[in-house]
Amino acid sequence: MNTSVYQPFKNFDFKNDKCFLSGQTDVAPVRVLPNWLIEMANLTGEEQIKLLDESIRSYNSLTVPANTEVAQQHILPLEDKVSSAFSQGYLGVSALPEQDLFNWIGKLMYSFLYIEMQGAIRLQQLSGDGMNMSQGLMHKFGNLHTMLQGIYREVVLENFTPWSIVVVKLENSETPFSFRDEINTLTFSLKFKDFGIVACLQDNGTNQSYHQELLKAVVGLSLSEQQFEELAARFFYSAYLFNRLPEYTIMPVDGVIYIDAMPLRGTQNKALFDVWTNKTYGQVLENFWKPWGHTLFEIIKDPTAPMSYFSEPCLPEQA
């Protein structure tokens, strides 16, 4: 029985010779964007994505190494569960346990991170420097990876959830598939068919609490695409303002990984989030609203009340 915790960031295990989840050998490549999603979204797989090292890759070329047993017995059943939910749209996705959504979104984001790490290592080798990633980021990514090991082995979260996940219904039942992620803050959004998902994977639920006034206001409503992008922009911005690095006690016992969250406030008296400023938020919103052509000037024409598609904007207070 495996009693240890695989920690790829200790030795920078990103060489395609070990399973990205378990560290086991006997690996085969699995696609980051699964075939079922490519087909359901009516994509070809040749669509391109730009990575942080400026390289351009097609969806089909993005793969990570997975142990064949882990892939068949654990990853595939998770994909089947999420595929079934996506096929049913909002009703199916909103009924998925949040743990399954966390595992699936986390696996997707960590897979991208795995590929980005390969690019970073390659660039550092070319320049002759050592790896220059901050210890804080590696710590955060390592904690996410430990939690994702729950996909193939038992991981017990001791009376806490490490994520904020919001699933909303969209007005347009034929919304084209699209997603965005921000690796440094582990924030993710996706819209497809008649549903949208926004997730922060390492915040212990704080971003969801931060935006609870707006979230309560939209319960039971179908959002326009502009409203969904506005909601996502708020989470992406507040995740940037979140100024804590969550700490966990991780203890493997008899093959089970037990994870307990340390108090976020710790010895610090300052608020969990840095000060919200409408001008910076407006810059984020301008990017999310690009398809509709709203300029920053238009968005923050009134600096105290930025443009909003919600009848009650419920914006956090700024200094």
C-alpha atoms as a PDB file:
ATOM      1  CA  MET A   1       0.000   0.000   0.000  1.00  0.00           C
ATOM      2  CA  ASN A   2       1.274   3.475  -0.861  1.00  0.00           C
ATOM      3  CA  THR A   3       1.682   5.323   2.446  1.00  0.00           C
ATOM      4  CA  SER A   4       3.725   8.285   1.203  1.00  0.00           C
ATOM      5  CA  VAL A   5       2.597  11.493  -0.500  1.00  0.00           C
ATOM      6  CA  TYR A   6       3.922  12.041  -4.005  1.00  0.00           C
ATOM      7  CA  GLN A   7       5.370  15.570  -4.228  1.00  0.00           C
ATOM      8  CA  PRO A   8       6.530  16.367  -7.794  1.00  0.00           C
ATOM      9  CA  PHE A   9       7.694  19.894  -6.950  1.00  0.00           C
ATOM     10  CA  LYS A  10      10.436  18.580  -4.654  1.00  0.00           C
ATOM     11  CA  ASN A  11      12.427  17.071  -7.514  1.00  0.00           C
ATOM     12  CA  PHE A  12      10.691  18.818 -10.425  1.00  0.00           C
ATOM     13  CA  ASP A  13       9.206  15.615 -11.809  1.00  0.00           C
ATOM     14  CA  PHE A  14       7.903  16.961 -15.114  1.00  0.00           C
ATOM     15  CA  LYS A  15       9.793  14.752 -17.573  1.00  0.00           C
ATOM     16  CA  ASN A  16       6.937  12.571 -18.881  1.00  0.00           C
ATOM     17  CA  ASP A  17       8.471   9.473 -17.274  1.00  0.00           C
ATOM     18  CA  LYS A  18       6.181   9.400 -14.217  1.00  0.00           C
ATOM     19  CA  CYS A  19       2.436   9.679 -13.775  1.00  0.00           C
ATOM     20  CA  PHE A  20       1.490  13.326 -13.294  1.00  0.00           C
ATOM     21  CA  LEU A  21      -0.852  12.347 -10.451  1.00  0.00           C
ATOM     22  CA  SER A  22       0.702   9.360  -8.697  1.00  0.00           C
ATOM     23  CA  GLY A  23       4.391   9.424  -9.627  1.00  0.00           C
ATOM     24  CA  GLN A  24       4.162   5.819 -10.783  1.00  0.00           C
ATOM     25  CA  THR A  25       5.854   4.542 -13.909  1.00  0.00           C
ATOM     26  CA  ASP A  26       4.205   2.525 -16.734  1.00  0.00           C
ATOM     27  CA  VAL A  27       2.773   5.683 -18.251  1.00  0.00           C
ATOM     28  CA  ALA A  28       0.979   6.626 -21.439  1.00  0.00           C
ATOM     29  CA  PRO A  29      -0.020  10.127 -22.622  1.00  0.00           C
ATOM     30  CA  VAL A  30      -3.548  11.300 -21.873  1.00  0.00           C
ATOM     31  CA  ARG A  31      -5.038  14.410 -23.422  1.00  0.00           C
ATOM     32  CA  VAL A  32      -5.457  17.466 -21.246  1.00  0.00           C
ATOM     33  CA  LEU A  33      -8.708  18.351 -23.037  1.00  0.00           C
ATOM     34  CA  PRO A  34     -10.458  14.968 -23.257  1.00  0.00           C
ATOM     35  CA  ASN A  35     -11.876  13.632 -26.504  1.00  0.00           C
ATOM     36  CA  TRP A  36     -15.443  13.720 -25.217  1.00  0.00           C
ATOM     37  CA  LEU A  37     -15.195  17.480 -24.564  1.00  0.00           C
ATOM     38  CA  ILE A  38     -13.633  18.191 -27.963  1.00  0.00           C
ATOM     39  CA  GLU A  39     -16.473  16.267 -29.643  1.00  0.00           C
ATOM     40  CA  MET A  40     -19.273  17.684 -27.477  1.00  0.00           C
ATOM     41  CA  ALA A  41     -18.044  21.230 -28.140  1.00  0.00           C
ATOM     42  CA  ASN A  42     -17.892  20.554 -31.913  1.00  0.00           C
ATOM     43  CA  LEU A  43     -14.185  21.369 -32.000  1.00  0.00           C
ATOM     44  CA  THR A  44     -11.587  19.741 -34.250  1.00  0.00           C
ATOM     45  CA  GLY A  45      -8.814  19.535 -31.672  1.00  0.00           C
ATOM     46  CA  GLU A  46      -6.587  21.632 -33.941  1.00  0.00           C
ATOM     47  CA  GLU A  47      -7.649  24.857 -32.209  1.00  0.00           C
ATOM     48  CA  GLN A  48      -4.603  26.593 -30.803  1.00  0.00           C
ATOM     49  CA  ILE A  49      -3.600  27.862 -27.389  1.00  0.00           C
ATOM     50  CA  LYS A  50      -0.679  30.086 -26.459  1.00  0.00           C
ATOM     51  CA  LEU A  51       1.410  28.995 -23.477  1.00  0.00           C
ATOM     52  CA  LEU A  52       3.401  31.181 -21.097  1.00  0.00           C
ATOM     53  CA  ASP A  53       6.662  30.416 -22.933  1.00  0.00           C
ATOM     54  CA  GLU A  54       5.056  31.942 -26.056  1.00  0.00           C
ATOM     55  CA  SER A  55       4.800  28.559 -27.798  1.00  0.00           C
ATOM     56  CA  ILE A  56       1.617  27.771 -29.748  1.00  0.00           C
ATOM     57  CA  ARG A  57       0.090  24.330 -29.264  1.00  0.00           C
ATOM     58  CA  SER A  58      -3.025  22.624 -30.588  1.00  0.00           C
ATOM     59  CA  TYR A  59      -5.532  21.167 -28.135  1.00  0.00           C
ATOM     60  CA  ASN A  60      -4.794  17.660 -29.437  1.00  0.00           C
ATOM     61  CA  SER A  61      -1.067  18.039 -28.776  1.00  0.00           C
ATOM     62  CA  LEU A  62      -1.530  18.840 -25.088  1.00  0.00           C
ATOM     63  CA  THR A  63      -0.916  15.638 -23.150  1.00  0.00           C
ATOM     64  CA  VAL A  64       0.382  14.577 -19.737  1.00  0.00           C
ATOM     65  CA  PRO A  65       1.747  11.173 -18.687  1.00  0.00           C
ATOM     66  CA  ALA A  66      -0.587   9.009 -16.631  1.00  0.00           C
ATOM     67  CA  ASN A  67      -0.073   5.564 -15.160  1.00  0.00           C
ATOM     68  CA  THR A  68      -2.221   3.185 -17.234  1.00  0.00           C
ATOM     69  CA  GLU A  69      -3.997   1.722 -14.189  1.00  0.00           C
ATOM     70  CA  VAL A  70      -4.655   5.159 -12.679  1.00  0.00           C
ATOM     71  CA  ALA A  71      -5.983   6.362 -16.032  1.00  0.00           C
ATOM     72  CA  GLN A  72      -8.292   3.398 -16.602  1.00  0.00           C
ATOM     73  CA  GLN A  73      -9.580   2.902 -13.073  1.00  0.00           C
ATOM     74  CA  HIS A  74      -9.763   6.478 -11.810  1.00  0.00           C
ATOM     75  CA  ILE A  75      -9.304   9.252 -14.398  1.00  0.00           C
ATOM     76  CA  LEU A  76     -11.624   7.680 -16.984  1.00  0.00           C
ATOM     77  CA  PRO A  77     -14.525   7.189 -14.513  1.00  0.00           C
ATOM     78  CA  LEU A  78     -14.173  10.837 -13.456  1.00  0.00           C
ATOM     79  CA  GLU A  79     -14.249  11.938 -17.103  1.00  0.00           C
ATOM     80  CA  ASP A  80     -17.316   9.759 -17.713  1.00  0.00           C
ATOM     81  CA  LYS A  81     -19.121  11.337 -14.769  1.00  0.00           C
ATOM     82  CA  VAL A  82     -18.331  14.891 -15.900  1.00  0.00           C
ATOM     83  CA  SER A  83     -19.114  14.067 -19.541  1.00  0.00           C
ATOM     84  CA  SER A  84     -22.554  12.783 -18.529  1.00  0.00           C
ATOM     85  CA  ALA A  85     -23.188  15.942 -16.500  1.00  0.00           C
ATOM     86  CA  PHE A  86     -22.054  18.257 -19.318  1.00  0.00           C
ATOM     87  CA  SER A  87     -24.316  16.450 -21.774  1.00  0.00           C
ATOM     88  CA  GLN A  88     -27.292  17.332 -19.542  1.00  0.00           C
ATOM     89  CA  GLY A  89     -26.302  20.987 -19.307  1.00  0.00           C
ATOM     90  CA  TYR A  90     -27.010  23.063 -16.213  1.00  0.00           C
ATOM     91  CA  LEU A  91     -29.193  20.443 -14.552  1.00  0.00           C
ATOM     92  CA  GLY A  92     -26.455  17.838 -14.797  1.00  0.00           C
ATOM     93  CA  VAL A  93     -23.540  20.092 -13.862  1.00  0.00           C
ATOM     94  CA  SER A  94     -25.319  21.731 -10.913  1.00  0.00           C
ATOM     95  CA  ALA A  95     -26.109  18.261  -9.544  1.00  0.00           C
ATOM     96  CA  LEU A  96     -22.458  17.130  -9.637  1.00  0.00           C
ATOM     97  CA  PRO A  97     -20.806  16.914  -6.214  1.00  0.00           C
ATOM     98  CA  GLU A  98     -18.404  19.843  -5.788  1.00  0.00           C
ATOM     99  CA  GLN A  99     -15.640  17.355  -5.017  1.00  0.00           C
ATOM    100  CA  ASP A 100     -15.993  15.923  -8.530  1.00  0.00           C
ATOM    101  CA  LEU A 101     -15.935  19.410 -10.064  1.00  0.00           C
ATOM    102  CA  PHE A 102     -12.876  20.294  -7.983  1.00  0.00           C
ATOM    103  CA  ASN A 103     -11.097  17.116  -9.075  1.00  0.00           C
ATOM    104  CA  TRP A 104     -11.937  17.647 -12.742  1.00  0.00           C
ATOM    105  CA  ILE A 105     -11.147  21.376 -12.875  1.00  0.00           C
ATOM    106  CA  GLY A 106      -8.068  20.821 -10.720  1.00  0.00           C
ATOM    107  CA  LYS A 107      -6.847  18.020 -12.983  1.00  0.00           C
ATOM    108  CA  LEU A 108      -7.342  20.259 -16.015  1.00  0.00           C
ATOM    109  CA  MET A 109      -5.500  23.195 -14.458  1.00  0.00           C
ATOM    110  CA  TYR A 110      -2.727  21.053 -13.028  1.00  0.00           C
ATOM    111  CA  SER A 111      -2.265  19.439 -16.447  1.00  0.00           C
ATOM    112  CA  PHE A 112      -1.756  22.872 -17.978  1.00  0.00           C
ATOM    113  CA  LEU A 113       0.602  23.714 -15.124  1.00  0.00           C
ATOM    114  CA  TYR A 114       2.537  20.483 -15.776  1.00  0.00           C
ATOM    115  CA  ILE A 115       3.052  21.511 -19.407  1.00  0.00           C
ATOM    116  CA  GLU A 116       3.928  25.083 -18.412  1.00  0.00           C
ATOM    117  CA  MET A 117       6.508  23.704 -15.958  1.00  0.00           C
ATOM    118  CA  GLN A 118       8.113  21.732 -18.785  1.00  0.00           C
ATOM    119  CA  GLY A 119       8.384  24.926 -20.810  1.00  0.00           C
ATOM    120  CA  ALA A 120       9.796  26.862 -17.852  1.00  0.00           C
ATOM    121  CA  ILE A 121      12.391  24.182 -17.148  1.00  0.00           C
ATOM    122  CA  ARG A 122      13.347  24.106 -20.828  1.00  0.00           C
ATOM    123  CA  LEU A 123      13.796  27.879 -20.928  1.00  0.00           C
ATOM    124  CA  GLN A 124      15.845  27.891 -17.736  1.00  0.00           C
ATOM    125  CA  GLN A 125      18.077  25.148 -19.106  1.00  0.00           C
ATOM    126  CA  LEU A 126      18.630  27.164 -22.259  1.00  0.00           C
ATOM    127  CA  SER A 127      19.597  30.216 -20.244  1.00  0.00           C
ATOM    128  CA  GLY A 128      21.754  28.256 -17.817  1.00  0.00           C
ATOM    129  CA  ASP A 129      19.931  29.587 -14.740  1.00  0.00           C
ATOM    130  CA  GLY A 130      18.243  27.604 -12.027  1.00  0.00           C
ATOM    131  CA  MET A 131      14.457  27.460 -11.646  1.00  0.00           C
ATOM    132  CA  ASN A 132      13.155  30.843 -10.591  1.00  0.00           C
ATOM    133  CA  MET A 133       9.638  30.017  -9.376  1.00  0.00           C
ATOM    134  CA  SER A 134       8.696  31.511  -6.004  1.00  0.00           C
ATOM    135  CA  GLN A 135       8.540  29.174  -3.033  1.00  0.00           C
ATOM    136  CA  GLY A 136       5.027  30.430  -2.323  1.00  0.00           C
ATOM    137  CA  LEU A 137       3.750  29.394  -5.749  1.00  0.00           C
ATOM    138  CA  MET A 138       5.406  25.985  -5.559  1.00  0.00           C
ATOM    139  CA  HIS A 139       3.875  25.499  -2.125  1.00  0.00           C
ATOM    140  CA  LYS A 140       0.412  26.407  -3.436  1.00  0.00           C
ATOM    141  CA  PHE A 141       0.727  24.175  -6.510  1.00  0.00           C
ATOM    142  CA  GLY A 142       2.059  21.334  -4.364  1.00  0.00           C
ATOM    143  CA  ASN A 143      -0.936  21.565  -2.026  1.00  0.00           C
ATOM    144  CA  LEU A 144      -3.311  21.434  -4.992  1.00  0.00           C
ATOM    145  CA  HIS A 145      -1.519  18.365  -6.342  1.00  0.00           C
ATOM    146  CA  THR A 146      -1.762  16.622  -2.961  1.00  0.00           C
ATOM    147  CA  MET A 147      -5.514  17.240  -2.876  1.00  0.00           C
ATOM    148  CA  LEU A 148      -5.901  15.980  -6.456  1.00  0.00           C
ATOM    149  CA  GLN A 149      -4.404  12.650  -5.431  1.00  0.00           C
ATOM    150  CA  GLY A 150      -7.920  12.038  -4.132  1.00  0.00           C
ATOM    151  CA  ILE A 151      -8.761  11.128  -7.731  1.00  0.00           C
ATOM    152  CA  TYR A 152      -6.961   7.787  -7.356  1.00  0.00           C
ATOM    153  CA  ARG A 153      -6.526   7.269  -3.588  1.00  0.00           C
ATOM    154  CA  GLU A 154      -8.354   8.222  -0.417  1.00  0.00           C
ATOM    155  CA  VAL A 155      -7.834  11.830   0.642  1.00  0.00           C
ATOM    156  CA  VAL A 156      -9.788  13.147   3.634  1.00  0.00           C
ATOM    157  CA  LEU A 157     -10.392  16.898   3.965  1.00  0.00           C
ATOM    158  CA  GLU A 158     -10.909  17.501   7.680  1.00  0.00           C
ATOM    159  CA  ASN A 159     -14.040  19.665   7.964  1.00  0.00           C
ATOM    160  CA  PHE A 160     -13.148  22.214   5.289  1.00  0.00           C
ATOM    161  CA  THR A 161     -13.326  22.746   1.536  1.00  0.00           C
ATOM    162  CA  PRO A 162     -10.274  24.249  -0.192  1.00  0.00           C
ATOM    163  CA  TRP A 163     -12.263  25.752  -3.038  1.00  0.00           C
ATOM    164  CA  SER A 164     -14.896  28.275  -4.093  1.00  0.00           C
ATOM    165  CA  ILE A 165     -17.025  26.812  -6.910  1.00  0.00           C
ATOM    166  CA  VAL A 166     -20.069  28.520  -8.414  1.00  0.00           C
ATOM    167  CA  VAL A 167     -22.318  26.986 -11.086  1.00  0.00           C
ATOM    168  CA  VAL A 168     -24.874  29.276 -12.756  1.00  0.00           C
ATOM    169  CA  LYS A 169     -27.510  28.891 -15.443  1.00  0.00           C
ATOM    170  CA  LEU A 170     -27.089  30.869 -18.684  1.00  0.00           C
ATOM    171  CA  GLU A 171     -29.832  32.425 -20.809  1.00  0.00           C
ATOM    172  CA  ASN A 172     -28.371  31.127 -24.053  1.00  0.00           C
ATOM    173  CA  SER A 173     -28.750  27.335 -24.131  1.00  0.00           C
ATOM    174  CA  GLU A 174     -26.289  27.121 -27.054  1.00  0.00           C
ATOM    175  CA  THR A 175     -23.351  29.049 -25.587  1.00  0.00           C
ATOM    176  CA  PRO A 176     -20.152  27.990 -27.400  1.00  0.00           C
ATOM    177  CA  PHE A 177     -17.518  26.267 -25.279  1.00  0.00           C
ATOM    178  CA  SER A 178     -14.799  28.542 -23.879  1.00  0.00           C
ATOM    179  CA  PHE A 179     -12.684  28.684 -20.761  1.00  0.00           C
ATOM    180  CA  ARG A 180     -10.025  30.814 -19.148  1.00  0.00           C
ATOM    181  CA  ASP A 181      -7.616  30.197 -16.300  1.00  0.00           C
ATOM    182  CA  GLU A 182      -5.109  32.084 -14.210  1.00  0.00           C
ATOM    183  CA  ILE A 183      -2.463  29.689 -12.960  1.00  0.00           C
ATOM    184  CA  ASN A 184      -0.864  31.956 -10.329  1.00  0.00           C
ATOM    185  CA  THR A 185      -4.160  32.330  -8.450  1.00  0.00           C
ATOM    186  CA  LEU A 186      -5.569  28.947  -9.543  1.00  0.00           C
ATOM    187  CA  THR A 187      -8.743  30.621 -10.789  1.00  0.00           C
ATOM    188  CA  PHE A 188     -10.860  29.163 -13.599  1.00  0.00           C
ATOM    189  CA  SER A 189     -14.027  29.888 -15.539  1.00  0.00           C
ATOM    190  CA  LEU A 190     -15.886  27.936 -18.204  1.00  0.00           C
ATOM    191  CA  LYS A 191     -19.068  28.505 -20.135  1.00  0.00           C
ATOM    192  CA  PHE A 192     -20.827  25.992 -22.360  1.00  0.00           C
ATOM    193  CA  LYS A 193     -24.381  25.241 -23.416  1.00  0.00           C
ATOM    194  CA  ASP A 194     -26.664  26.674 -20.694  1.00  0.00           C
ATOM    195  CA  PHE A 195     -24.199  26.719 -17.773  1.00  0.00           C
ATOM    196  CA  GLY A 196     -21.215  28.614 -16.469  1.00  0.00           C
ATOM    197  CA  ILE A 197     -18.652  27.623 -13.827  1.00  0.00           C
ATOM    198  CA  VAL A 198     -16.329  29.859 -11.832  1.00  0.00           C
ATOM    199  CA  ALA A 199     -13.792  28.289  -9.471  1.00  0.00           C
ATOM    200  CA  CYS A 200     -10.956  29.317  -7.154  1.00  0.00           C
ATOM    201  CA  LEU A 201      -9.124  26.145  -6.175  1.00  0.00           C
ATOM    202  CA  GLN A 202      -6.983  27.220  -3.206  1.00  0.00           C
ATOM    203  CA  ASP A 203      -8.871  29.823  -1.192  1.00  0.00           C
ATOM    204  CA  ASN A 204     -10.770  27.768   1.412  1.00  0.00           C
ATOM    205  CA  GLY A 205     -14.044  29.271   0.196  1.00  0.00           C
ATOM    206  CA  THR A 206     -13.112  32.904   0.873  1.00  0.00           C
ATOM    207  CA  ASN A 207     -13.864  34.287  -2.614  1.00  0.00           C
ATOM    208  CA  GLN A 208     -17.333  32.749  -2.505  1.00  0.00           C
ATOM    209  CA  SER A 209     -17.934  34.473   0.846  1.00  0.00           C
ATOM    210  CA  TYR A 210     -16.495  37.739  -0.498  1.00  0.00           C
ATOM    211  CA  HIS A 211     -19.084  37.827  -3.295  1.00  0.00           C
ATOM    212  CA  GLN A 212     -21.974  36.328  -1.329  1.00  0.00           C
ATOM    213  CA  GLU A 213     -24.211  39.393  -1.762  1.00  0.00           C
ATOM    214  CA  LEU A 214     -24.153  39.113  -5.557  1.00  0.00           C
ATOM    215  CA  LEU A 215     -24.361  35.315  -5.479  1.00  0.00           C
ATOM    216  CA  LYS A 216     -27.501  35.492  -3.335  1.00  0.00           C
ATOM    217  CA  ALA A 217     -29.004  38.055  -5.733  1.00  0.00           C
ATOM    218  CA  VAL A 218     -28.602  35.773  -8.779  1.00  0.00           C
ATOM    219  CA  VAL A 219     -29.932  32.552  -7.211  1.00  0.00           C
ATOM    220  CA  GLY A 220     -32.533  31.099  -9.569  1.00  0.00           C
ATOM    221  CA  LEU A 221     -31.733  33.540 -12.381  1.00  0.00           C
ATOM    222  CA  SER A 222     -30.443  32.765 -15.865  1.00  0.00           C
ATOM    223  CA  LEU A 223     -27.477  35.001 -16.641  1.00  0.00           C
ATOM    224  CA  SER A 224     -26.620  36.654 -19.925  1.00  0.00           C
ATOM    225  CA  GLU A 225     -23.106  36.041 -21.221  1.00  0.00           C
ATOM    226  CA  GLN A 226     -22.161  39.603 -20.225  1.00  0.00           C
ATOM    227  CA  GLN A 227     -23.401  38.947 -16.691  1.00  0.00           C
ATOM    228  CA  PHE A 228     -21.491  35.682 -16.478  1.00  0.00           C
ATOM    229  CA  GLU A 229     -18.272  37.335 -17.637  1.00  0.00           C
ATOM    230  CA  GLU A 230     -18.825  40.112 -15.109  1.00  0.00           C
ATOM    231  CA  LEU A 231     -19.246  37.522 -12.356  1.00  0.00           C
ATOM    232  CA  ALA A 232     -16.097  35.731 -13.494  1.00  0.00           C
ATOM    233  CA  ALA A 233     -14.146  39.002 -13.646  1.00  0.00           C
ATOM    234  CA  ARG A 234     -15.016  39.702 -10.031  1.00  0.00           C
ATOM    235  CA  PHE A 235     -13.707  36.310  -8.914  1.00  0.00           C
ATOM    236  CA  PHE A 236     -10.523  36.638 -10.968  1.00  0.00           C
ATOM    237  CA  TYR A 237      -9.876  40.092  -9.499  1.00  0.00           C
ATOM    238  CA  SER A 238     -10.676  39.157  -5.902  1.00  0.00           C
ATOM    239  CA  ALA A 239      -8.473  36.051  -6.217  1.00  0.00           C
ATOM    240  CA  TYR A 240      -5.670  38.465  -7.102  1.00  0.00           C
ATOM    241  CA  LEU A 241      -6.509  40.555  -4.017  1.00  0.00           C
ATOM    242  CA  PHE A 242      -6.571  37.499  -1.713  1.00  0.00           C
ATOM    243  CA  ASN A 243      -3.419  37.961   0.339  1.00  0.00           C
ATOM    244  CA  ARG A 244      -3.048  34.683   2.221  1.00  0.00           C
ATOM    245  CA  LEU A 245      -1.201  31.509   1.279  1.00  0.00           C
ATOM    246  CA  PRO A 246      -3.384  28.758   2.754  1.00  0.00           C
ATOM    247  CA  GLU A 247      -1.456  26.353   4.950  1.00  0.00           C
ATOM    248  CA  TYR A 248      -2.417  22.752   5.599  1.00  0.00           C
ATOM    249  CA  THR A 249      -1.358  19.935   7.873  1.00  0.00           C
ATOM    250  CA  ILE A 250      -0.895  16.910   5.614  1.00  0.00           C
ATOM    251  CA  MET A 251      -0.609  13.506   7.260  1.00  0.00           C
ATOM    252  CA  PRO A 252      -0.540  10.120   5.466  1.00  0.00           C
ATOM    253  CA  VAL A 253      -1.821   7.300   7.696  1.00  0.00           C
ATOM    254  CA  ASP A 254      -2.313   3.697   6.513  1.00  0.00           C
ATOM    255  CA  GLY A 255      -2.522   4.764   2.878  1.00  0.00           C
ATOM    256  CA  VAL A 256      -4.980   7.611   3.543  1.00  0.00           C
ATOM    257  CA  ILE A 257      -3.940  11.276   3.227  1.00  0.00           C
ATOM    258  CA  TYR A 258      -5.548  13.443   5.910  1.00  0.00           C
ATOM    259  CA  ILE A 259      -5.531  17.203   5.258  1.00  0.00           C
ATOM    260  CA  ASP A 260      -6.425  19.818   7.850  1.00  0.00           C
ATOM    261  CA  ALA A 261      -6.582  23.558   7.122  1.00  0.00           C
ATOM    262  CA  MET A 262      -4.730  26.034   9.315  1.00  0.00           C
ATOM    263  CA  PRO A 263      -6.646  29.246  10.218  1.00  0.00           C
ATOM    264  CA  LEU A 264      -6.307  31.776   7.397  1.00  0.00           C
ATOM    265  CA  ARG A 265      -6.063  34.750   9.706  1.00  0.00           C
ATOM    266  CA  GLY A 266      -3.083  33.351  11.613  1.00  0.00           C
ATOM    267  CA  THR A 267      -1.318  36.138  13.509  1.00  0.00           C
ATOM    268  CA  GLN A 268      -2.110  38.794  10.909  1.00  0.00           C
ATOM    269  CA  ASN A 269      -4.649  41.464  11.782  1.00  0.00           C
ATOM    270  CA  LYS A 270      -5.164  42.756   8.243  1.00  0.00           C
ATOM    271  CA  ALA A 271      -8.145  41.733   6.123  1.00  0.00           C
ATOM    272  CA  LEU A 272      -7.966  38.603   3.966  1.00  0.00           C
ATOM    273  CA  PHE A 273      -8.257  40.724   0.808  1.00  0.00           C
ATOM    274  CA  ASP A 274      -6.288  43.776  -0.261  1.00  0.00           C
ATOM    275  CA  VAL A 275      -8.285  46.920  -1.014  1.00  0.00           C
ATOM    276  CA  TRP A 276     -10.692  46.691  -3.960  1.00  0.00           C
ATOM    277  CA  THR A 277     -10.139  49.507  -6.458  1.00  0.00           C
ATOM    278  CA  ASN A 278     -12.686  50.115  -9.196  1.00  0.00           C
ATOM    279  CA  LYS A 279     -10.085  51.300 -11.718  1.00  0.00           C
ATOM    280  CA  THR A 280      -8.134  48.025 -11.544  1.00  0.00           C
ATOM    281  CA  TYR A 281     -11.366  46.032 -11.524  1.00  0.00           C
ATOM    282  CA  GLY A 282     -12.448  47.990 -14.601  1.00  0.00           C
ATOM    283  CA  GLN A 283      -9.277  46.913 -16.412  1.00  0.00           C
ATOM    284  CA  VAL A 284     -10.074  43.275 -15.642  1.00  0.00           C
ATOM    285  CA  LEU A 285     -13.668  43.767 -16.751  1.00  0.00           C
ATOM    286  CA  GLU A 286     -12.592  45.415 -20.006  1.00  0.00           C
ATOM    287  CA  ASN A 287     -10.669  42.255 -20.875  1.00  0.00           C
ATOM    288  CA  PHE A 288     -13.590  39.958 -20.003  1.00  0.00           C
ATOM    289  CA  TRP A 289     -16.008  42.131 -21.982  1.00  0.00           C
ATOM    290  CA  LYS A 290     -13.865  42.332 -25.122  1.00  0.00           C
ATOM    291  CA  PRO A 291     -16.519  40.625 -27.319  1.00  0.00           C
ATOM    292  CA  TRP A 292     -18.872  43.514 -26.572  1.00  0.00           C
ATOM    293  CA  GLY A 293     -16.336  46.283 -27.112  1.00  0.00           C
ATOM    294  CA  HIS A 294     -16.717  48.124 -23.815  1.00  0.00           C
ATOM    295  CA  THR A 295     -13.776  50.453 -23.169  1.00  0.00           C
ATOM    296  CA  LEU A 296     -12.215  51.181 -19.787  1.00  0.00           C
ATOM    297  CA  PHE A 297     -13.384  54.795 -20.082  1.00  0.00           C
ATOM    298  CA  GLU A 298     -16.958  53.602 -20.578  1.00  0.00           C
ATOM    299  CA  ILE A 299     -16.732  51.069 -17.729  1.00  0.00           C
ATOM    300  CA  ILE A 300     -15.425  53.507 -15.101  1.00  0.00           C
ATOM    301  CA  LYS A 301     -17.003  56.706 -16.408  1.00  0.00           C
ATOM    302  CA  ASP A 302     -18.379  56.994 -12.873  1.00  0.00           C
ATOM    303  CA  PRO A 303     -15.402  55.843 -10.754  1.00  0.00           C
ATOM    304  CA  THR A 304     -17.668  55.173  -7.778  1.00  0.00           C
ATOM    305  CA  ALA A 305     -20.088  53.004  -9.764  1.00  0.00           C
ATOM    306  CA  PRO A 306     -18.503  50.975 -12.589  1.00  0.00           C
ATOM    307  CA  MET A 307     -20.695  49.772 -15.416  1.00  0.00           C
ATOM    308  CA  SER A 308     -22.615  46.601 -14.593  1.00  0.00           C
ATOM    309  CA  TYR A 309     -25.074  44.283 -16.330  1.00  0.00           C
ATOM    310  CA  PHE A 310     -26.656  43.452 -12.967  1.00  0.00           C
ATOM    311  CA  SER A 311     -29.600  45.583 -11.797  1.00  0.00           C
ATOM    312  CA  GLU A 312     -28.069  45.521  -8.303  1.00  0.00           C
ATOM    313  CA  PRO A 313     -24.286  45.536  -8.858  1.00  0.00           C
ATOM    314  CA  CYS A 314     -23.470  44.490  -5.259  1.00  0.00           C
ATOM    315  CA  LEU A 315     -19.863  45.626  -5.696  1.00  0.00           C
ATOM    316  CA  PRO A 316     -17.431  45.332  -2.775  1.00  0.00           C
ATOM    317  CA  GLU A 317     -16.613  48.611  -1.102  1.00  0.00           C
ATOM    318  CA  GLN A 318     -13.454  50.340  -2.225  1.00  0.00           C
ATOM    319  CA  ALA A 319     -11.232  52.575  -0.158  1.00  0.00           C
END
